[in-house]
Amino acid sequence: TLSSSSAASDVYKRQITYSTRTWLSRLDLIIERHIDNPALNNEIIAAEIAISERHLFRRVKELTGLSPQKYLRQYRLQRAMKYLANGKYRKVKETACAVGYANTSYFIRQFEIEFGRKPLRVLQEAGWR
């Protein structure tokens, strides 16, 4: 019975992992749909997922260890890094707007905190500037 219990536990873990990935994929899809919207917040995300803001906070914190706002910021900055590195946008201001930052200097500060270098440096290193 110990081995059957262990097998059941493994199946349960896989289901949780699949369920977690599915839920996070839904969250990422919603963020991606609204990534250029500087007003995107917990209220909008929770409404799209059809859960309360409180449940959104608990669920995101449980799955990622981050608050929804930190997760959103990290997602936006990761997307900006991708855009800059592959040359989709060749100006920092365009990149900031594309990922939902209305204030370019705030975007630059957040980017530098996250990656340890400024967005312009990423463009230069990638050969786009």
Protein backbone atom coordinates (compact mmCIF):
# COMPACT_ATOMS: atom_id res chain seq x y z
CA THR A 1 0.00 0.00 0.00
CA LEU A 2 2.94 2.31 0.52
CA SER A 3 3.85 2.19 -3.17
CA SER A 4 0.23 2.79 -4.26
CA SER A 5 0.06 5.73 -1.86
CA SER A 6 3.27 7.09 -3.32
CA ALA A 7 1.95 6.64 -6.87
CA ALA A 8 -1.25 8.45 -5.93
CA SER A 9 0.82 11.25 -4.43
CA ASP A 10 2.85 11.55 -7.66
CA VAL A 11 -0.34 11.78 -9.73
CA TYR A 12 -1.67 14.45 -7.35
CA LYS A 13 1.57 16.45 -7.67
CA ARG A 14 1.43 16.27 -11.46
CA GLN A 15 -2.21 17.46 -11.43
CA ILE A 16 -1.29 20.39 -9.21
CA THR A 17 1.62 21.24 -11.45
CA TYR A 18 -0.57 21.03 -14.57
CA SER A 19 -3.32 23.03 -12.88
CA THR A 20 -0.80 25.64 -11.75
CA ARG A 21 0.69 25.94 -15.23
CA THR A 22 -2.77 26.25 -16.75
CA TRP A 23 -3.78 28.97 -14.29
CA LEU A 24 -0.57 30.92 -14.79
CA SER A 25 -0.94 30.56 -18.57
CA ARG A 26 -4.39 32.16 -18.31
CA LEU A 27 -2.94 34.96 -16.21
CA ASP A 28 -0.10 35.51 -18.71
CA LEU A 29 -2.57 35.55 -21.61
CA ILE A 30 -4.62 38.27 -19.91
CA ILE A 31 -1.50 40.32 -19.18
CA GLU A 32 -0.31 39.87 -22.76
CA ARG A 33 -3.67 41.06 -24.12
CA HIS A 34 -3.42 44.26 -22.08
CA ILE A 35 0.35 44.68 -21.82
CA ASP A 36 0.37 48.12 -23.46
CA ASN A 37 -2.29 49.44 -21.05
CA PRO A 38 -0.66 51.47 -18.25
CA ALA A 39 -3.94 51.23 -16.29
CA LEU A 40 -3.82 47.43 -16.11
CA ASN A 41 -4.24 46.52 -12.46
CA ASN A 42 -5.48 43.80 -10.11
CA GLU A 43 -9.10 44.84 -10.58
CA ILE A 44 -8.98 44.37 -14.36
CA ILE A 45 -7.05 41.11 -14.14
CA ALA A 46 -9.37 39.68 -11.46
CA ALA A 47 -12.44 40.62 -13.50
CA GLU A 48 -11.03 38.86 -16.58
CA ILE A 49 -10.23 35.71 -14.61
CA ALA A 50 -13.63 36.02 -12.86
CA ILE A 51 -12.31 35.95 -9.29
CA SER A 52 -12.12 38.54 -6.53
CA GLU A 53 -9.07 40.76 -6.19
CA ARG A 54 -8.39 39.17 -2.81
CA HIS A 55 -8.45 35.67 -4.33
CA LEU A 56 -6.22 36.88 -7.17
CA PHE A 57 -3.70 38.18 -4.64
CA ARG A 58 -3.71 34.94 -2.66
CA ARG A 59 -3.49 32.71 -5.73
CA VAL A 60 -0.66 34.62 -7.43
CA LYS A 61 1.27 34.89 -4.15
CA GLU A 62 0.81 31.15 -3.52
CA LEU A 63 1.94 30.12 -7.01
CA THR A 64 4.74 32.62 -7.65
CA GLY A 65 5.74 34.09 -4.31
CA LEU A 66 5.03 37.54 -5.76
CA SER A 67 2.14 39.94 -5.37
CA PRO A 68 0.07 40.37 -8.56
CA GLN A 69 1.55 43.85 -9.07
CA LYS A 70 5.12 42.56 -8.74
CA TYR A 71 4.29 39.68 -11.08
CA LEU A 72 2.84 42.15 -13.59
CA ARG A 73 5.90 44.42 -13.32
CA GLN A 74 8.26 41.47 -13.77
CA TYR A 75 6.23 40.25 -16.76
CA ARG A 76 6.31 43.70 -18.40
CA LEU A 77 10.05 44.08 -17.84
CA GLN A 78 10.81 40.59 -19.17
CA ARG A 79 8.76 41.41 -22.28
CA ALA A 80 10.62 44.72 -22.66
CA MET A 81 13.95 42.90 -22.45
CA LYS A 82 12.80 40.54 -25.19
CA TYR A 83 11.63 43.45 -27.39
CA LEU A 84 14.92 45.33 -26.94
CA ALA A 85 17.15 42.30 -27.46
CA ASN A 86 15.41 41.19 -30.65
CA GLY A 87 15.05 44.73 -32.04
CA LYS A 88 11.26 44.83 -32.19
CA TYR A 89 11.46 48.36 -30.81
CA ARG A 90 14.62 50.37 -31.30
CA LYS A 91 13.75 53.26 -29.03
CA VAL A 92 13.44 53.05 -25.27
CA LYS A 93 10.32 55.25 -25.22
CA GLU A 94 8.55 53.01 -27.78
CA THR A 95 9.47 49.94 -25.75
CA ALA A 96 8.22 51.52 -22.51
CA CYS A 97 4.86 52.37 -24.13
CA ALA A 98 4.58 48.91 -25.68
CA VAL A 99 4.82 47.27 -22.25
CA GLY A 100 2.50 49.70 -20.47
CA TYR A 101 4.82 52.29 -18.95
CA ALA A 102 3.55 55.84 -19.50
CA ASN A 103 6.61 57.33 -17.79
CA THR A 104 9.83 56.46 -19.63
CA SER A 105 12.19 57.49 -16.84
CA TYR A 106 10.28 55.28 -14.36
CA PHE A 107 10.52 52.43 -16.88
CA ILE A 108 14.29 52.94 -17.17
CA ARG A 109 14.72 52.90 -13.36
CA GLN A 110 12.62 49.74 -12.98
CA PHE A 111 14.45 48.06 -15.88
CA GLU A 112 17.82 48.87 -14.35
CA ILE A 113 16.73 47.52 -10.96
CA GLU A 114 15.53 44.28 -12.57
CA PHE A 115 18.41 43.65 -14.97
CA GLY A 116 21.33 45.74 -13.67
CA ARG A 117 21.67 47.74 -16.87
CA LYS A 118 19.75 50.40 -18.75
CA PRO A 119 17.52 49.61 -21.74
CA LEU A 120 19.71 51.66 -24.08
CA ARG A 121 22.66 49.45 -23.11
CA VAL A 122 20.66 46.37 -24.12
CA LEU A 123 19.95 47.96 -27.52
CA GLN A 124 23.65 48.75 -27.93
CA GLU A 125 24.77 45.28 -26.90
CA ALA A 126 22.30 43.73 -29.33
CA GLY A 127 23.69 45.92 -32.13
CA TRP A 128 20.52 47.94 -32.70
CA ARG A 129 22.14 51.24 -31.73
